[in-house]
PDB file of all heavy atoms in Angstrom:
ATOM      1  N   LYS A   1      14.086  21.503 -11.961  1.00  0.00           N
ATOM      2  CA  LYS A   1      13.371  20.333 -11.458  1.00  0.00           C
ATOM      3  C   LYS A   1      14.113  19.060 -11.839  1.00  0.00           C
ATOM      4  O   LYS A   1      14.766  18.982 -12.881  1.00  0.00           O
ATOM      5  CB  LYS A   1      11.942  20.292 -12.001  1.00  0.00           C
ATOM      6  CG  LYS A   1      11.088  21.482 -11.552  1.00  0.00           C
ATOM      7  CD  LYS A   1       9.679  21.388 -12.087  1.00  0.00           C
ATOM      8  CE  LYS A   1       8.838  22.572 -11.602  1.00  0.00           C
ATOM      9  NZ  LYS A   1       7.442  22.505 -12.100  1.00  0.00           N
ATOM     10  N   SER A   2      13.996  18.054 -10.959  1.00  0.00           N
ATOM     11  CA  SER A   2      14.618  16.753 -11.195  1.00  0.00           C
ATOM     12  C   SER A   2      13.588  15.652 -10.995  1.00  0.00           C
ATOM     13  O   SER A   2      12.603  15.831 -10.280  1.00  0.00           O
ATOM     14  CB  SER A   2      15.788  16.530 -10.228  1.00  0.00           C
ATOM     15  OG  SER A   2      16.789  17.500 -10.382  1.00  0.00           O
ATOM     16  N   SER A   3      13.851  14.508 -11.612  1.00  0.00           N
ATOM     17  CA  SER A   3      13.037  13.310 -11.380  1.00  0.00           C
ATOM     18  C   SER A   3      13.786  12.376 -10.450  1.00  0.00           C
ATOM     19  O   SER A   3      15.014  12.294 -10.496  1.00  0.00           O
ATOM     20  CB  SER A   3      12.746  12.587 -12.697  1.00  0.00           C
ATOM     21  OG  SER A   3      11.874  13.341 -13.508  1.00  0.00           O
ATOM     22  N   MET A   4      13.042  11.662  -9.594  1.00  0.00           N
ATOM     23  CA  MET A   4      13.608  10.606  -8.766  1.00  0.00           C
ATOM     24  C   MET A   4      13.053   9.278  -9.274  1.00  0.00           C
ATOM     25  O   MET A   4      11.852   9.023  -9.177  1.00  0.00           O
ATOM     26  CB  MET A   4      13.266  10.797  -7.291  1.00  0.00           C
ATOM     27  CG  MET A   4      13.896   9.719  -6.406  1.00  0.00           C
ATOM     28  SD  MET A   4      13.340   9.789  -4.682  1.00  0.00           S
ATOM     29  CE  MET A   4      14.081  11.329  -4.183  1.00  0.00           C
ATOM     30  N   ILE A   5      13.952   8.457  -9.842  1.00  0.00           N
ATOM     31  CA  ILE A   5      13.571   7.153 -10.382  1.00  0.00           C
ATOM     32  C   ILE A   5      13.899   6.083  -9.341  1.00  0.00           C
ATOM     33  O   ILE A   5      14.995   6.055  -8.790  1.00  0.00           O
ATOM     34  CB  ILE A   5      14.319   6.852 -11.699  1.00  0.00           C
ATOM     35  CG1 ILE A   5      14.243   8.066 -12.641  1.00  0.00           C
ATOM     36  CG2 ILE A   5      13.740   5.610 -12.362  1.00  0.00           C
ATOM     37  CD1 ILE A   5      12.844   8.485 -12.997  1.00  0.00           C
ATOM     38  N   TRP A   6      12.950   5.180  -9.099  1.00  0.00           N
ATOM     39  CA  TRP A   6      13.028   4.245  -7.974  1.00  0.00           C
ATOM     40  C   TRP A   6      13.029   2.811  -8.488  1.00  0.00           C
ATOM     41  O   TRP A   6      12.159   2.406  -9.247  1.00  0.00           O
ATOM     42  CB  TRP A   6      11.805   4.474  -7.085  1.00  0.00           C
ATOM     43  CG  TRP A   6      11.720   3.697  -5.804  1.00  0.00           C
ATOM     44  CD1 TRP A   6      11.610   2.351  -5.672  1.00  0.00           C
ATOM     45  CD2 TRP A   6      11.713   4.234  -4.482  1.00  0.00           C
ATOM     46  NE1 TRP A   6      11.527   2.006  -4.354  1.00  0.00           N
ATOM     47  CE2 TRP A   6      11.584   3.143  -3.592  1.00  0.00           C
ATOM     48  CE3 TRP A   6      11.782   5.518  -3.951  1.00  0.00           C
ATOM     49  CZ2 TRP A   6      11.529   3.305  -2.218  1.00  0.00           C
ATOM     50  CZ3 TRP A   6      11.736   5.683  -2.587  1.00  0.00           C
ATOM     51  CH2 TRP A   6      11.611   4.596  -1.724  1.00  0.00           C
ATOM     52  N   TRP A   7      14.066   2.029  -8.071  1.00  0.00           N
ATOM     53  CA  TRP A   7      14.109   0.585  -8.318  1.00  0.00           C
ATOM     54  C   TRP A   7      13.977  -0.141  -6.984  1.00  0.00           C
ATOM     55  O   TRP A   7      14.612   0.261  -6.000  1.00  0.00           O
ATOM     56  CB  TRP A   7      15.428   0.165  -8.969  1.00  0.00           C
ATOM     57  CG  TRP A   7      15.617   0.611 -10.382  1.00  0.00           C
ATOM     58  CD1 TRP A   7      15.320  -0.070 -11.520  1.00  0.00           C
ATOM     59  CD2 TRP A   7      16.207   1.851 -10.804  1.00  0.00           C
ATOM     60  NE1 TRP A   7      15.667   0.665 -12.628  1.00  0.00           N
ATOM     61  CE2 TRP A   7      16.216   1.849 -12.216  1.00  0.00           C
ATOM     62  CE3 TRP A   7      16.709   2.965 -10.126  1.00  0.00           C
ATOM     63  CZ2 TRP A   7      16.714   2.902 -12.965  1.00  0.00           C
ATOM     64  CZ3 TRP A   7      17.205   4.017 -10.858  1.00  0.00           C
ATOM     65  CH2 TRP A   7      17.210   3.985 -12.262  1.00  0.00           C
ATOM     66  N   SER A   8      13.213  -1.205  -6.938  1.00  0.00           N
ATOM     67  CA  SER A   8      13.031  -1.963  -5.704  1.00  0.00           C
ATOM     68  C   SER A   8      13.876  -3.232  -5.741  1.00  0.00           C
ATOM     69  O   SER A   8      13.994  -3.887  -6.777  1.00  0.00           O
ATOM     70  CB  SER A   8      11.559  -2.332  -5.515  1.00  0.00           C
ATOM     71  OG  SER A   8      11.396  -3.160  -4.389  1.00  0.00           O
ATOM     72  N   PHE A   9      14.478  -3.575  -4.588  1.00  0.00           N
ATOM     73  CA  PHE A   9      15.248  -4.810  -4.458  1.00  0.00           C
ATOM     74  C   PHE A   9      14.442  -5.901  -3.762  1.00  0.00           C
ATOM     75  O   PHE A   9      14.991  -6.952  -3.404  1.00  0.00           O
ATOM     76  CB  PHE A   9      16.528  -4.560  -3.651  1.00  0.00           C
ATOM     77  CG  PHE A   9      17.454  -3.551  -4.272  1.00  0.00           C
ATOM     78  CD1 PHE A   9      18.162  -2.665  -3.470  1.00  0.00           C
ATOM     79  CD2 PHE A   9      17.617  -3.486  -5.647  1.00  0.00           C
ATOM     80  CE1 PHE A   9      19.022  -1.739  -4.031  1.00  0.00           C
ATOM     81  CE2 PHE A   9      18.480  -2.559  -6.213  1.00  0.00           C
ATOM     82  CZ  PHE A   9      19.183  -1.680  -5.403  1.00  0.00           C
ATOM     83  N   ALA A  10      13.161  -5.672  -3.536  1.00  0.00           N
ATOM     84  CA  ALA A  10      12.323  -6.664  -2.854  1.00  0.00           C
ATOM     85  C   ALA A  10      12.253  -7.949  -3.680  1.00  0.00           C
ATOM     86  O   ALA A  10      12.296  -7.929  -4.911  1.00  0.00           O
ATOM     87  CB  ALA A  10      10.927  -6.096  -2.618  1.00  0.00           C
ATOM     88  N   ASP A  11      12.109  -9.089  -3.001  1.00  0.00           N
ATOM     89  CA  ASP A  11      12.134 -10.389  -3.679  1.00  0.00           C
ATOM     90  C   ASP A  11      11.021 -10.545  -4.698  1.00  0.00           C
ATOM     91  O   ASP A  11      11.198 -11.204  -5.718  1.00  0.00           O
ATOM     92  CB  ASP A  11      12.034 -11.519  -2.644  1.00  0.00           C
ATOM     93  CG  ASP A  11      13.284 -11.612  -1.790  1.00  0.00           C
ATOM     94  OD1 ASP A  11      14.365 -11.215  -2.275  1.00  0.00           O
ATOM     95  OD2 ASP A  11      13.177 -12.083  -0.637  1.00  0.00           O
ATOM     96  N   ASP A  12       9.857  -9.944  -4.429  1.00  0.00           N
ATOM     97  CA  ASP A  12       8.714 -10.166  -5.298  1.00  0.00           C
ATOM     98  C   ASP A  12       8.597  -9.112  -6.400  1.00  0.00           C
ATOM     99  O   ASP A  12       7.575  -9.029  -7.066  1.00  0.00           O
ATOM    100  CB  ASP A  12       7.425 -10.192  -4.474  1.00  0.00           C
ATOM    101  CG  ASP A  12       7.235  -8.908  -3.671  1.00  0.00           C
ATOM    102  OD1 ASP A  12       8.214  -8.131  -3.561  1.00  0.00           O
ATOM    103  OD2 ASP A  12       6.116  -8.700  -3.157  1.00  0.00           O
ATOM    104  N   GLU A  13       9.646  -8.312  -6.600  1.00  0.00           N
ATOM    105  CA  GLU A  13       9.582  -7.270  -7.618  1.00  0.00           C
ATOM    106  C   GLU A  13      10.721  -7.427  -8.612  1.00  0.00           C
ATOM    107  O   GLU A  13      11.823  -7.876  -8.277  1.00  0.00           O
ATOM    108  CB  GLU A  13       9.638  -5.878  -6.975  1.00  0.00           C
ATOM    109  CG  GLU A  13       8.426  -5.556  -6.116  1.00  0.00           C
ATOM    110  CD  GLU A  13       8.361  -4.078  -5.757  1.00  0.00           C
ATOM    111  OE1 GLU A  13       8.733  -3.253  -6.609  1.00  0.00           O
ATOM    112  OE2 GLU A  13       7.937  -3.762  -4.640  1.00  0.00           O
ATOM    113  N   ASP A  14      10.443  -7.038  -9.863  1.00  0.00           N
ATOM    114  CA  ASP A  14      11.444  -7.081 -10.919  1.00  0.00           C
ATOM    115  C   ASP A  14      12.502  -6.015 -10.643  1.00  0.00           C
ATOM    116  O   ASP A  14      12.181  -4.823 -10.558  1.00  0.00           O
ATOM    117  CB  ASP A  14      10.767  -6.807 -12.263  1.00  0.00           C
ATOM    118  CG  ASP A  14      11.730  -6.881 -13.436  1.00  0.00           C
ATOM    119  OD1 ASP A  14      12.953  -7.020 -13.186  1.00  0.00           O
ATOM    120  OD2 ASP A  14      11.276  -6.769 -14.582  1.00  0.00           O
ATOM    121  N   PRO A  15      13.790  -6.395 -10.491  1.00  0.00           N
ATOM    122  CA  PRO A  15      14.821  -5.408 -10.163  1.00  0.00           C
ATOM    123  C   PRO A  15      15.051  -4.377 -11.264  1.00  0.00           C
ATOM    124  O   PRO A  15      15.686  -3.349 -11.027  1.00  0.00           O
ATOM    125  CB  PRO A  15      16.074  -6.268  -9.927  1.00  0.00           C
ATOM    126  CG  PRO A  15      15.830  -7.515 -10.707  1.00  0.00           C
ATOM    127  CD  PRO A  15      14.348  -7.754 -10.614  1.00  0.00           C
ATOM    128  N   PHE A  16      14.563  -4.652 -12.483  1.00  0.00           N
ATOM    129  CA  PHE A  16      14.740  -3.701 -13.578  1.00  0.00           C
ATOM    130  C   PHE A  16      13.517  -2.816 -13.783  1.00  0.00           C
ATOM    131  O   PHE A  16      13.542  -1.886 -14.581  1.00  0.00           O
ATOM    132  CB  PHE A  16      15.053  -4.437 -14.887  1.00  0.00           C
ATOM    133  CG  PHE A  16      16.291  -5.285 -14.790  1.00  0.00           C
ATOM    134  CD1 PHE A  16      16.246  -6.631 -15.076  1.00  0.00           C
ATOM    135  CD2 PHE A  16      17.490  -4.727 -14.392  1.00  0.00           C
ATOM    136  CE1 PHE A  16      17.381  -7.413 -14.978  1.00  0.00           C
ATOM    137  CE2 PHE A  16      18.639  -5.501 -14.291  1.00  0.00           C
ATOM    138  CZ  PHE A  16      18.577  -6.848 -14.583  1.00  0.00           C
ATOM    139  N   ASN A  17      12.446  -3.128 -13.084  1.00  0.00           N
ATOM    140  CA  ASN A  17      11.252  -2.305 -13.197  1.00  0.00           C
ATOM    141  C   ASN A  17      11.414  -1.067 -12.316  1.00  0.00           C
ATOM    142  O   ASN A  17      11.861  -1.151 -11.179  1.00  0.00           O
ATOM    143  CB  ASN A  17      10.020  -3.099 -12.756  1.00  0.00           C
ATOM    144  CG  ASN A  17       8.735  -2.329 -12.985  1.00  0.00           C
ATOM    145  OD1 ASN A  17       8.641  -1.564 -13.940  1.00  0.00           O
ATOM    146  ND2 ASN A  17       7.759  -2.533 -12.126  1.00  0.00           N
ATOM    147  N   ASN A  18      11.065   0.083 -12.846  1.00  0.00           N
ATOM    148  CA  ASN A  18      11.271   1.298 -12.065  1.00  0.00           C
ATOM    149  C   ASN A  18      10.055   2.206 -12.154  1.00  0.00           C
ATOM    150  O   ASN A  18       9.215   2.060 -13.049  1.00  0.00           O
ATOM    151  CB  ASN A  18      12.527   2.037 -12.531  1.00  0.00           C
ATOM    152  CG  ASN A  18      12.497   2.356 -14.014  1.00  0.00           C
ATOM    153  OD1 ASN A  18      11.683   3.135 -14.472  1.00  0.00           O
ATOM    154  ND2 ASN A  18      13.381   1.727 -14.781  1.00  0.00           N
ATOM    155  N   LYS A  19       9.996   3.139 -11.214  1.00  0.00           N
ATOM    156  CA  LYS A  19       8.898   4.096 -11.170  1.00  0.00           C
ATOM    157  C   LYS A  19       9.456   5.477 -10.872  1.00  0.00           C
ATOM    158  O   LYS A  19      10.455   5.618 -10.164  1.00  0.00           O
ATOM    159  CB  LYS A  19       7.893   3.715 -10.075  1.00  0.00           C
ATOM    160  CG  LYS A  19       7.264   2.346 -10.238  1.00  0.00           C
ATOM    161  CD  LYS A  19       6.368   2.013  -9.053  1.00  0.00           C
ATOM    162  CE  LYS A  19       5.781   0.616  -9.185  1.00  0.00           C
ATOM    163  NZ  LYS A  19       4.937   0.260  -8.013  1.00  0.00           N
ATOM    164  N   ARG A  20       8.795   6.485 -11.415  1.00  0.00           N
ATOM    165  CA  ARG A  20       9.152   7.847 -11.042  1.00  0.00           C
ATOM    166  C   ARG A  20       8.299   8.240  -9.837  1.00  0.00           C
ATOM    167  O   ARG A  20       7.093   8.369  -9.937  1.00  0.00           O
ATOM    168  CB  ARG A  20       8.917   8.836 -12.191  1.00  0.00           C
ATOM    169  CG  ARG A  20       9.469  10.226 -11.879  1.00  0.00           C
ATOM    170  CD  ARG A  20       9.378  11.155 -13.062  1.00  0.00           C
ATOM    171  NE  ARG A  20       8.014  11.633 -13.261  1.00  0.00           N
ATOM    172  CZ  ARG A  20       7.651  12.510 -14.190  1.00  0.00           C
ATOM    173  NH1 ARG A  20       8.552  12.969 -15.043  1.00  0.00           N
ATOM    174  NH2 ARG A  20       6.399  12.887 -14.314  1.00  0.00           N
ATOM    175  N   VAL A  21       8.968   8.409  -8.676  1.00  0.00           N
ATOM    176  CA  VAL A  21       8.225   8.697  -7.454  1.00  0.00           C
ATOM    177  C   VAL A  21       8.176  10.191  -7.152  1.00  0.00           C
ATOM    178  O   VAL A  21       7.435  10.617  -6.257  1.00  0.00           O
ATOM    179  CB  VAL A  21       8.847   7.956  -6.252  1.00  0.00           C
ATOM    180  CG1 VAL A  21       8.750   6.455  -6.447  1.00  0.00           C
ATOM    181  CG2 VAL A  21      10.293   8.379  -6.020  1.00  0.00           C
ATOM    182  N   TYR A  22       8.971  10.999  -7.893  1.00  0.00           N
ATOM    183  CA  TYR A  22       8.954  12.443  -7.627  1.00  0.00           C
ATOM    184  C   TYR A  22       9.470  13.181  -8.851  1.00  0.00           C
ATOM    185  O   TYR A  22      10.373  12.704  -9.556  1.00  0.00           O
ATOM    186  CB  TYR A  22       9.822  12.782  -6.414  1.00  0.00           C
ATOM    187  CG  TYR A  22       9.912  14.276  -6.132  1.00  0.00           C
ATOM    188  CD1 TYR A  22       8.860  14.950  -5.541  1.00  0.00           C
ATOM    189  CD2 TYR A  22      11.051  14.997  -6.475  1.00  0.00           C
ATOM    190  CE1 TYR A  22       8.928  16.318  -5.310  1.00  0.00           C
ATOM    191  CE2 TYR A  22      11.134  16.358  -6.232  1.00  0.00           C
ATOM    192  CZ  TYR A  22      10.076  17.026  -5.654  1.00  0.00           C
ATOM    193  OH  TYR A  22      10.134  18.370  -5.420  1.00  0.00           O
ATOM    194  N   TRP A  23       8.890  14.361  -9.077  1.00  0.00           N
ATOM    195  CA  TRP A  23       9.392  15.279 -10.098  1.00  0.00           C
ATOM    196  C   TRP A  23       9.154  16.696  -9.593  1.00  0.00           C
ATOM    197  O   TRP A  23       8.033  17.070  -9.261  1.00  0.00           O
ATOM    198  CB  TRP A  23       8.680  15.084 -11.432  1.00  0.00           C
ATOM    199  CG  TRP A  23       9.220  15.999 -12.502  1.00  0.00           C
ATOM    200  CD1 TRP A  23      10.394  15.860 -13.188  1.00  0.00           C
ATOM    201  CD2 TRP A  23       8.603  17.185 -13.007  1.00  0.00           C
ATOM    202  NE1 TRP A  23      10.557  16.885 -14.084  1.00  0.00           N
ATOM    203  CE2 TRP A  23       9.471  17.730 -13.998  1.00  0.00           C
ATOM    204  CE3 TRP A  23       7.419  17.857 -12.723  1.00  0.00           C
ATOM    205  CZ2 TRP A  23       9.182  18.896 -14.700  1.00  0.00           C
ATOM    206  CZ3 TRP A  23       7.136  19.022 -13.413  1.00  0.00           C
ATOM    207  CH2 TRP A  23       8.000  19.528 -14.394  1.00  0.00           C
ATOM    208  N   GLY A  24      10.228  17.465  -9.479  1.00  0.00           N
ATOM    209  CA  GLY A  24      10.104  18.826  -8.974  1.00  0.00           C
ATOM    210  C   GLY A  24      11.443  19.337  -8.469  1.00  0.00           C
ATOM    211  O   GLY A  24      12.491  18.706  -8.655  1.00  0.00           O
ATOM    212  N   PRO A  25      11.432  20.478  -7.791  1.00  0.00           N
ATOM    213  CA  PRO A  25      12.676  21.024  -7.239  1.00  0.00           C
ATOM    214  C   PRO A  25      13.193  20.138  -6.107  1.00  0.00           C
ATOM    215  O   PRO A  25      12.446  19.753  -5.219  1.00  0.00           O
ATOM    216  CB  PRO A  25      12.269  22.415  -6.724  1.00  0.00           C
ATOM    217  CG  PRO A  25      10.790  22.311  -6.483  1.00  0.00           C
ATOM    218  CD  PRO A  25      10.274  21.359  -7.508  1.00  0.00           C
ATOM    219  N   LEU A  26      14.463  19.804  -6.165  1.00  0.00           N
ATOM    220  CA  LEU A  26      15.067  18.922  -5.171  1.00  0.00           C
ATOM    221  C   LEU A  26      16.418  19.522  -4.790  1.00  0.00           C
ATOM    222  O   LEU A  26      17.348  19.550  -5.595  1.00  0.00           O
ATOM    223  CB  LEU A  26      15.236  17.519  -5.751  1.00  0.00           C
ATOM    224  CG  LEU A  26      15.693  16.407  -4.807  1.00  0.00           C
ATOM    225  CD1 LEU A  26      14.677  16.203  -3.695  1.00  0.00           C
ATOM    226  CD2 LEU A  26      15.899  15.107  -5.589  1.00  0.00           C
ATOM    227  N   LEU A  27      16.517  20.011  -3.554  1.00  0.00           N
ATOM    228  CA  LEU A  27      17.712  20.729  -3.131  1.00  0.00           C
ATOM    229  C   LEU A  27      18.652  19.889  -2.281  1.00  0.00           C
ATOM    230  O   LEU A  27      19.761  20.336  -1.971  1.00  0.00           O
ATOM    231  CB  LEU A  27      17.319  21.991  -2.364  1.00  0.00           C
ATOM    232  CG  LEU A  27      16.494  23.011  -3.153  1.00  0.00           C
ATOM    233  CD1 LEU A  27      16.276  24.260  -2.337  1.00  0.00           C
ATOM    234  CD2 LEU A  27      17.177  23.359  -4.468  1.00  0.00           C
ATOM    235  N   ALA A  28      18.258  18.696  -1.873  1.00  0.00           N
ATOM    236  CA  ALA A  28      19.128  17.796  -1.126  1.00  0.00           C
ATOM    237  C   ALA A  28      18.482  16.423  -1.108  1.00  0.00           C
ATOM    238  O   ALA A  28      17.254  16.300  -1.249  1.00  0.00           O
ATOM    239  CB  ALA A  28      19.352  18.298   0.301  1.00  0.00           C
ATOM    240  N   ILE A  29      19.304  15.391  -0.970  1.00  0.00           N
ATOM    241  CA  ILE A  29      18.791  14.034  -0.863  1.00  0.00           C
ATOM    242  C   ILE A  29      19.685  13.272   0.116  1.00  0.00           C
ATOM    243  O   ILE A  29      20.900  13.455   0.140  1.00  0.00           O
ATOM    244  CB  ILE A  29      18.769  13.326  -2.243  1.00  0.00           C
ATOM    245  CG1 ILE A  29      17.940  12.050  -2.172  1.00  0.00           C
ATOM    246  CG2 ILE A  29      20.145  13.081  -2.768  1.00  0.00           C
ATOM    247  CD1 ILE A  29      16.456  12.302  -2.129  1.00  0.00           C
ATOM    248  N   SER A  30      19.070  12.439   0.958  1.00  0.00           N
ATOM    249  CA  SER A  30      19.834  11.635   1.915  1.00  0.00           C
ATOM    250  C   SER A  30      19.102  10.325   2.138  1.00  0.00           C
ATOM    251  O   SER A  30      17.890  10.312   2.349  1.00  0.00           O
ATOM    252  CB  SER A  30      19.998  12.382   3.246  1.00  0.00           C
ATOM    253  OG  SER A  30      20.683  11.583   4.191  1.00  0.00           O
ATOM    254  N   ALA A  31      19.856   9.212   2.097  1.00  0.00           N
ATOM    255  CA  ALA A  31      19.278   7.891   2.329  1.00  0.00           C
ATOM    256  C   ALA A  31      19.939   7.259   3.538  1.00  0.00           C
ATOM    257  O   ALA A  31      21.153   7.361   3.729  1.00  0.00           O
ATOM    258  CB  ALA A  31      19.454   7.000   1.107  1.00  0.00           C
ATOM    259  N   GLY A  32      19.136   6.594   4.369  1.00  0.00           N
ATOM    260  CA  GLY A  32      19.656   5.882   5.527  1.00  0.00           C
ATOM    261  C   GLY A  32      19.639   4.393   5.295  1.00  0.00           C
ATOM    262  O   GLY A  32      19.781   3.925   4.165  1.00  0.00           O
ATOM    263  N   ASP A  33      19.442   3.637   6.367  1.00  0.00           N
ATOM    264  CA  ASP A  33      19.398   2.185   6.221  1.00  0.00           C
ATOM    265  C   ASP A  33      18.157   1.732   5.458  1.00  0.00           C
ATOM    266  O   ASP A  33      18.216   0.773   4.682  1.00  0.00           O
ATOM    267  CB  ASP A  33      19.417   1.523   7.604  1.00  0.00           C
ATOM    268  CG  ASP A  33      20.741   1.732   8.317  1.00  0.00           C
ATOM    269  OD1 ASP A  33      21.687   2.243   7.679  1.00  0.00           O
ATOM    270  OD2 ASP A  33      20.826   1.404   9.515  1.00  0.00           O
ATOM    271  N   SER A  34      17.017   2.402   5.709  1.00  0.00           N
ATOM    272  CA  SER A  34      15.761   1.944   5.119  1.00  0.00           C
ATOM    273  C   SER A  34      14.953   3.044   4.452  1.00  0.00           C
ATOM    274  O   SER A  34      13.934   2.743   3.826  1.00  0.00           O
ATOM    275  CB  SER A  34      14.889   1.286   6.205  1.00  0.00           C
ATOM    276  OG  SER A  34      15.594   0.285   6.893  1.00  0.00           O
TER     277      SER A  34
END
């Protein structure tokens, strides 16, 4: 299992504040424009 830690670049959010949005088996990951 892996954790996915998420940082937001939105103007109204602290760029150093993060959240764990997933924890579990992760066999692939892909990010697009958004």
